[in-house]
Amino acid sequence: MPVATEIAEPITIDRPMVLIPVEEYQELLFEAGHLKTPVLDREIAAARKRFKNGKVVDWKTLRDEIG
């Protein structure tokens, strides 16, 4: 579904440009790994908060669990 965007200033093209459909652009973002990942972002924020509060797993326990 097209999204209308208001442009406050005129766009000046002063070098070669490539125009592609938004679907192809989104596919390129996906293939490059640049899509938004809200669930992962929340998990990372929670992990950082736990780390900041000192809730960590010591290296020996982690090593024993994965080894």
PDB file of N, CA and C in Angstrom:
ATOM      1  N   MET A   1       0.841  -1.160   0.000  1.00  0.00           N
ATOM      2  CA  MET A   1       0.000   0.000   0.000  1.00  0.00           C
ATOM      3  C   MET A   1       0.894   1.233   0.000  1.00  0.00           C
ATOM      4  N   PRO A   2       0.698   2.156  -0.908  1.00  0.00           N
ATOM      5  CA  PRO A   2       1.538   3.348  -0.993  1.00  0.00           C
ATOM      6  C   PRO A   2       1.393   4.227   0.253  1.00  0.00           C
ATOM      7  N   VAL A   3       2.513   4.824   0.621  1.00  0.00           N
ATOM      8  CA  VAL A   3       2.533   5.725   1.769  1.00  0.00           C
ATOM      9  C   VAL A   3       2.878   7.116   1.263  1.00  0.00           C
ATOM     10  N   ALA A   4       2.029   8.090   1.571  1.00  0.00           N
ATOM     11  CA  ALA A   4       2.289   9.463   1.145  1.00  0.00           C
ATOM     12  C   ALA A   4       3.237  10.117   2.135  1.00  0.00           C
ATOM     13  N   THR A   5       4.234  10.796   1.604  1.00  0.00           N
ATOM     14  CA  THR A   5       5.199  11.497   2.434  1.00  0.00           C
ATOM     15  C   THR A   5       5.259  12.943   1.976  1.00  0.00           C
ATOM     16  N   GLU A   6       5.194  13.850   2.920  1.00  0.00           N
ATOM     17  CA  GLU A   6       5.292  15.265   2.580  1.00  0.00           C
ATOM     18  C   GLU A   6       6.757  15.658   2.560  1.00  0.00           C
ATOM     19  N   ILE A   7       7.162  16.318   1.493  1.00  0.00           N
ATOM     20  CA  ILE A   7       8.550  16.755   1.347  1.00  0.00           C
ATOM     21  C   ILE A   7       8.589  18.265   1.551  1.00  0.00           C
ATOM     22  N   ALA A   8       9.346  18.699   2.551  1.00  0.00           N
ATOM     23  CA  ALA A   8       9.399  20.115   2.912  1.00  0.00           C
ATOM     24  C   ALA A   8      10.246  20.929   1.944  1.00  0.00           C
ATOM     25  N   GLU A   9      11.267  20.310   1.361  1.00  0.00           N
ATOM     26  CA  GLU A   9      12.174  21.013   0.457  1.00  0.00           C
ATOM     27  C   GLU A   9      12.231  20.275  -0.874  1.00  0.00           C
ATOM     28  N   PRO A  10      12.529  20.984  -1.951  1.00  0.00           N
ATOM     29  CA  PRO A  10      12.671  20.300  -3.240  1.00  0.00           C
ATOM     30  C   PRO A  10      13.872  19.360  -3.226  1.00  0.00           C
ATOM     31  N   ILE A  11      13.768  18.283  -3.966  1.00  0.00           N
ATOM     32  CA  ILE A  11      14.859  17.324  -4.070  1.00  0.00           C
ATOM     33  C   ILE A  11      15.705  17.688  -5.276  1.00  0.00           C
ATOM     34  N   THR A  12      16.993  17.798  -5.047  1.00  0.00           N
ATOM     35  CA  THR A  12      17.928  18.104  -6.126  1.00  0.00           C
ATOM     36  C   THR A  12      18.790  16.879  -6.375  1.00  0.00           C
ATOM     37  N   ILE A  13      18.810  16.416  -7.599  1.00  0.00           N
ATOM     38  CA  ILE A  13      19.632  15.266  -7.954  1.00  0.00           C
ATOM     39  C   ILE A  13      20.872  15.796  -8.659  1.00  0.00           C
ATOM     40  N   ASP A  14      22.016  15.629  -7.986  1.00  0.00           N
ATOM     41  CA  ASP A  14      23.262  16.151  -8.543  1.00  0.00           C
ATOM     42  C   ASP A  14      24.277  15.050  -8.839  1.00  0.00           C
ATOM     43  N   ARG A  15      23.814  13.811  -8.842  1.00  0.00           N
ATOM     44  CA  ARG A  15      24.678  12.671  -9.181  1.00  0.00           C
ATOM     45  C   ARG A  15      23.792  11.549  -9.698  1.00  0.00           C
ATOM     46  N   PRO A  16      24.352  10.527 -10.285  1.00  0.00           N
ATOM     47  CA  PRO A  16      23.528   9.429 -10.808  1.00  0.00           C
ATOM     48  C   PRO A  16      22.726   8.763  -9.699  1.00  0.00           C
ATOM     49  N   MET A  17      21.469   8.454  -9.992  1.00  0.00           N
ATOM     50  CA  MET A  17      20.570   7.816  -9.038  1.00  0.00           C
ATOM     51  C   MET A  17      19.913   6.600  -9.675  1.00  0.00           C
ATOM     52  N   VAL A  18      19.452   5.695  -8.821  1.00  0.00           N
ATOM     53  CA  VAL A  18      18.731   4.517  -9.266  1.00  0.00           C
ATOM     54  C   VAL A  18      17.396   4.503  -8.547  1.00  0.00           C
ATOM     55  N   LEU A  19      16.319   4.353  -9.290  1.00  0.00           N
ATOM     56  CA  LEU A  19      14.989   4.253  -8.701  1.00  0.00           C
ATOM     57  C   LEU A  19      14.518   2.809  -8.796  1.00  0.00           C
ATOM     58  N   ILE A  20      14.035   2.277  -7.669  1.00  0.00           N
ATOM     59  CA  ILE A  20      13.495   0.918  -7.667  1.00  0.00           C
ATOM     60  C   ILE A  20      12.164   0.933  -6.909  1.00  0.00           C
ATOM     61  N   PRO A  21      11.301  -0.021  -7.204  1.00  0.00           N
ATOM     62  CA  PRO A  21      10.042  -0.113  -6.466  1.00  0.00           C
ATOM     63  C   PRO A  21      10.302  -0.389  -4.985  1.00  0.00           C
ATOM     64  N   VAL A  22       9.425   0.101  -4.134  1.00  0.00           N
ATOM     65  CA  VAL A  22       9.611  -0.039  -2.695  1.00  0.00           C
ATOM     66  C   VAL A  22       9.679  -1.511  -2.274  1.00  0.00           C
ATOM     67  N   GLU A  23       8.955  -2.382  -2.961  1.00  0.00           N
ATOM     68  CA  GLU A  23       9.006  -3.809  -2.630  1.00  0.00           C
ATOM     69  C   GLU A  23      10.410  -4.369  -2.829  1.00  0.00           C
ATOM     70  N   GLU A  24      11.056  -3.977  -3.915  1.00  0.00           N
ATOM     71  CA  GLU A  24      12.428  -4.430  -4.154  1.00  0.00           C
ATOM     72  C   GLU A  24      13.381  -3.852  -3.121  1.00  0.00           C
ATOM     73  N   TYR A  25      13.154  -2.592  -2.734  1.00  0.00           N
ATOM     74  CA  TYR A  25      13.979  -1.958  -1.716  1.00  0.00           C
ATOM     75  C   TYR A  25      13.848  -2.701  -0.388  1.00  0.00           C
ATOM     76  N   GLN A  26      12.614  -3.053  -0.012  1.00  0.00           N
ATOM     77  CA  GLN A  26      12.399  -3.789   1.224  1.00  0.00           C
ATOM     78  C   GLN A  26      13.048  -5.163   1.176  1.00  0.00           C
ATOM     79  N   GLU A  27      12.990  -5.807   0.010  1.00  0.00           N
ATOM     80  CA  GLU A  27      13.638  -7.102  -0.152  1.00  0.00           C
ATOM     81  C   GLU A  27      15.156  -6.970   0.000  1.00  0.00           C
ATOM     82  N   LEU A  28      15.719  -5.914  -0.567  1.00  0.00           N
ATOM     83  CA  LEU A  28      17.161  -5.672  -0.412  1.00  0.00           C
ATOM     84  C   LEU A  28      17.529  -5.443   1.056  1.00  0.00           C
ATOM     85  N   LEU A  29      16.701  -4.674   1.760  1.00  0.00           N
ATOM     86  CA  LEU A  29      16.950  -4.448   3.189  1.00  0.00           C
ATOM     87  C   LEU A  29      16.917  -5.764   3.958  1.00  0.00           C
ATOM     88  N   PHE A  30      15.924  -6.614   3.626  1.00  0.00           N
ATOM     89  CA  PHE A  30      15.806  -7.903   4.292  1.00  0.00           C
ATOM     90  C   PHE A  30      17.043  -8.758   4.032  1.00  0.00           C
ATOM     91  N   GLU A  31      17.466  -8.842   2.775  1.00  0.00           N
ATOM     92  CA  GLU A  31      18.622  -9.657   2.423  1.00  0.00           C
ATOM     93  C   GLU A  31      19.897  -9.145   3.087  1.00  0.00           C
ATOM     94  N   ALA A  32      19.984  -7.830   3.282  1.00  0.00           N
ATOM     95  CA  ALA A  32      21.163  -7.245   3.914  1.00  0.00           C
ATOM     96  C   ALA A  32      21.081  -7.281   5.436  1.00  0.00           C
ATOM     97  N   GLY A  33      19.939  -7.704   5.979  1.00  0.00           N
ATOM     98  CA  GLY A  33      19.786  -7.783   7.418  1.00  0.00           C
ATOM     99  C   GLY A  33      19.492  -6.454   8.086  1.00  0.00           C
ATOM    100  N   HIS A  34      18.868  -5.522   7.373  1.00  0.00           N
ATOM    101  CA  HIS A  34      18.601  -4.196   7.911  1.00  0.00           C
ATOM    102  C   HIS A  34      17.124  -3.924   8.177  1.00  0.00           C
ATOM    103  N   LEU A  35      16.351  -4.960   8.420  1.00  0.00           N
ATOM    104  CA  LEU A  35      14.948  -4.737   8.746  1.00  0.00           C
ATOM    105  C   LEU A  35      14.797  -4.543  10.248  1.00  0.00           C
ATOM    106  N   LYS A  36      13.755  -3.865  10.648  1.00  0.00           N
ATOM    107  CA  LYS A  36      13.492  -3.667  12.067  1.00  0.00           C
ATOM    108  C   LYS A  36      13.186  -5.012  12.713  1.00  0.00           C
ATOM    109  N   THR A  37      13.704  -5.195  13.894  1.00  0.00           N
ATOM    110  CA  THR A  37      13.481  -6.420  14.644  1.00  0.00           C
ATOM    111  C   THR A  37      13.011  -6.046  16.043  1.00  0.00           C
ATOM    112  N   PRO A  38      11.738  -5.670  16.192  1.00  0.00           N
ATOM    113  CA  PRO A  38      11.251  -5.176  17.484  1.00  0.00           C
ATOM    114  C   PRO A  38      11.405  -6.176  18.629  1.00  0.00           C
ATOM    115  N   VAL A  39      11.164  -7.450  18.383  1.00  0.00           N
ATOM    116  CA  VAL A  39      11.290  -8.449  19.448  1.00  0.00           C
ATOM    117  C   VAL A  39      12.751  -8.544  19.892  1.00  0.00           C
ATOM    118  N   LEU A  40      13.651  -8.635  18.920  1.00  0.00           N
ATOM    119  CA  LEU A  40      15.073  -8.713  19.244  1.00  0.00           C
ATOM    120  C   LEU A  40      15.533  -7.436  19.946  1.00  0.00           C
ATOM    121  N   ASP A  41      15.072  -6.284  19.494  1.00  0.00           N
ATOM    122  CA  ASP A  41      15.440  -5.021  20.129  1.00  0.00           C
ATOM    123  C   ASP A  41      15.004  -4.996  21.597  1.00  0.00           C
ATOM    124  N   ARG A  42      13.797  -5.505  21.890  1.00  0.00           N
ATOM    125  CA  ARG A  42      13.325  -5.555  23.280  1.00  0.00           C
ATOM    126  C   ARG A  42      14.170  -6.517  24.116  1.00  0.00           C
ATOM    127  N   GLU A  43      14.528  -7.671  23.522  1.00  0.00           N
ATOM    128  CA  GLU A  43      15.348  -8.647  24.243  1.00  0.00           C
ATOM    129  C   GLU A  43      16.725  -8.071  24.563  1.00  0.00           C
ATOM    130  N   ILE A  44      17.309  -7.351  23.620  1.00  0.00           N
ATOM    131  CA  ILE A  44      18.618  -6.736  23.842  1.00  0.00           C
ATOM    132  C   ILE A  44      18.522  -5.670  24.933  1.00  0.00           C
ATOM    133  N   ALA A  45      17.471  -4.846  24.898  1.00  0.00           N
ATOM    134  CA  ALA A  45      17.288  -3.809  25.921  1.00  0.00           C
ATOM    135  C   ALA A  45      17.134  -4.450  27.300  1.00  0.00           C
ATOM    136  N   ALA A  46      16.371  -5.533  27.384  1.00  0.00           N
ATOM    137  CA  ALA A  46      16.181  -6.218  28.668  1.00  0.00           C
ATOM    138  C   ALA A  46      17.500  -6.814  29.156  1.00  0.00           C
ATOM    139  N   ALA A  47      18.272  -7.401  28.258  1.00  0.00           N
ATOM    140  CA  ALA A  47      19.568  -7.980  28.635  1.00  0.00           C
ATOM    141  C   ALA A  47      20.525  -6.896  29.124  1.00  0.00           C
ATOM    142  N   ARG A  48      20.521  -5.750  28.471  1.00  0.00           N
ATOM    143  CA  ARG A  48      21.381  -4.646  28.920  1.00  0.00           C
ATOM    144  C   ARG A  48      20.972  -4.174  30.309  1.00  0.00           C
ATOM    145  N   LYS A  49      19.668  -4.126  30.561  1.00  0.00           N
ATOM    146  CA  LYS A  49      19.166  -3.702  31.869  1.00  0.00           C
ATOM    147  C   LYS A  49      19.585  -4.708  32.944  1.00  0.00           C
ATOM    148  N   ARG A  50      19.436  -6.016  32.638  1.00  0.00           N
ATOM    149  CA  ARG A  50      19.865  -7.045  33.595  1.00  0.00           C
ATOM    150  C   ARG A  50      21.354  -6.915  33.887  1.00  0.00           C
ATOM    151  N   PHE A  51      22.160  -6.698  32.842  1.00  0.00           N
ATOM    152  CA  PHE A  51      23.605  -6.558  33.014  1.00  0.00           C
ATOM    153  C   PHE A  51      23.921  -5.348  33.879  1.00  0.00           C
ATOM    154  N   LYS A  52      23.241  -4.228  33.605  1.00  0.00           N
ATOM    155  CA  LYS A  52      23.465  -2.998  34.375  1.00  0.00           C
ATOM    156  C   LYS A  52      23.128  -3.215  35.852  1.00  0.00           C
ATOM    157  N   ASN A  53      22.109  -4.030  36.130  1.00  0.00           N
ATOM    158  CA  ASN A  53      21.701  -4.319  37.500  1.00  0.00           C
ATOM    159  C   ASN A  53      22.530  -5.435  38.134  1.00  0.00           C
ATOM    160  N   GLY A  54      23.525  -5.933  37.412  1.00  0.00           N
ATOM    161  CA  GLY A  54      24.418  -6.951  37.971  1.00  0.00           C
ATOM    162  C   GLY A  54      23.910  -8.373  37.882  1.00  0.00           C
ATOM    163  N   LYS A  55      22.840  -8.591  37.143  1.00  0.00           N
ATOM    164  CA  LYS A  55      22.298  -9.942  36.992  1.00  0.00           C
ATOM    165  C   LYS A  55      22.976 -10.594  35.790  1.00  0.00           C
ATOM    166  N   VAL A  56      24.062 -11.313  36.063  1.00  0.00           N
ATOM    167  CA  VAL A  56      24.845 -11.926  34.994  1.00  0.00           C
ATOM    168  C   VAL A  56      25.071 -13.401  35.303  1.00  0.00           C
ATOM    169  N   VAL A  57      25.494 -14.137  34.299  1.00  0.00           N
ATOM    170  CA  VAL A  57      25.875 -15.531  34.459  1.00  0.00           C
ATOM    171  C   VAL A  57      27.391 -15.568  34.409  1.00  0.00           C
ATOM    172  N   ASP A  58      27.997 -16.191  35.416  1.00  0.00           N
ATOM    173  CA  ASP A  58      29.465 -16.217  35.410  1.00  0.00           C
ATOM    174  C   ASP A  58      29.977 -17.142  34.307  1.00  0.00           C
ATOM    175  N   TRP A  59      31.199 -16.901  33.906  1.00  0.00           N
ATOM    176  CA  TRP A  59      31.804 -17.596  32.763  1.00  0.00           C
ATOM    177  C   TRP A  59      31.822 -19.104  32.963  1.00  0.00           C
ATOM    178  N   LYS A  60      32.169 -19.584  34.153  1.00  0.00           N
ATOM    179  CA  LYS A  60      32.274 -21.027  34.376  1.00  0.00           C
ATOM    180  C   LYS A  60      30.921 -21.708  34.158  1.00  0.00           C
ATOM    181  N   THR A  61      29.856 -21.132  34.677  1.00  0.00           N
ATOM    182  CA  THR A  61      28.519 -21.705  34.490  1.00  0.00           C
ATOM    183  C   THR A  61      28.136 -21.722  33.011  1.00  0.00           C
ATOM    184  N   LEU A  62      28.375 -20.628  32.315  1.00  0.00           N
ATOM    185  CA  LEU A  62      28.058 -20.558  30.897  1.00  0.00           C
ATOM    186  C   LEU A  62      28.866 -21.588  30.112  1.00  0.00           C
ATOM    187  N   ARG A  63      30.168 -21.676  30.406  1.00  0.00           N
ATOM    188  CA  ARG A  63      31.039 -22.626  29.705  1.00  0.00           C
ATOM    189  C   ARG A  63      30.554 -24.045  29.908  1.00  0.00           C
ATOM    190  N   ASP A  64      30.157 -24.373  31.152  1.00  0.00           N
ATOM    191  CA  ASP A  64      29.698 -25.729  31.435  1.00  0.00           C
ATOM    192  C   ASP A  64      28.385 -26.049  30.733  1.00  0.00           C
ATOM    193  N   GLU A  65      27.513 -25.039  30.594  1.00  0.00           N
ATOM    194  CA  GLU A  65      26.231 -25.259  29.939  1.00  0.00           C
ATOM    195  C   GLU A  65      26.372 -25.443  28.428  1.00  0.00           C
ATOM    196  N   ILE A  66      27.312 -24.709  27.793  1.00  0.00           N
ATOM    197  CA  ILE A  66      27.433 -24.817  26.329  1.00  0.00           C
ATOM    198  C   ILE A  66      28.475 -25.849  25.918  1.00  0.00           C
ATOM    199  N   GLY A  67      29.322 -26.257  26.822  1.00  0.00           N
ATOM    200  CA  GLY A  67      30.408 -27.152  26.469  1.00  0.00           C
ATOM    201  C   GLY A  67      30.065 -28.553  26.693  1.00  0.00           C
TER     202      GLY A  67
END
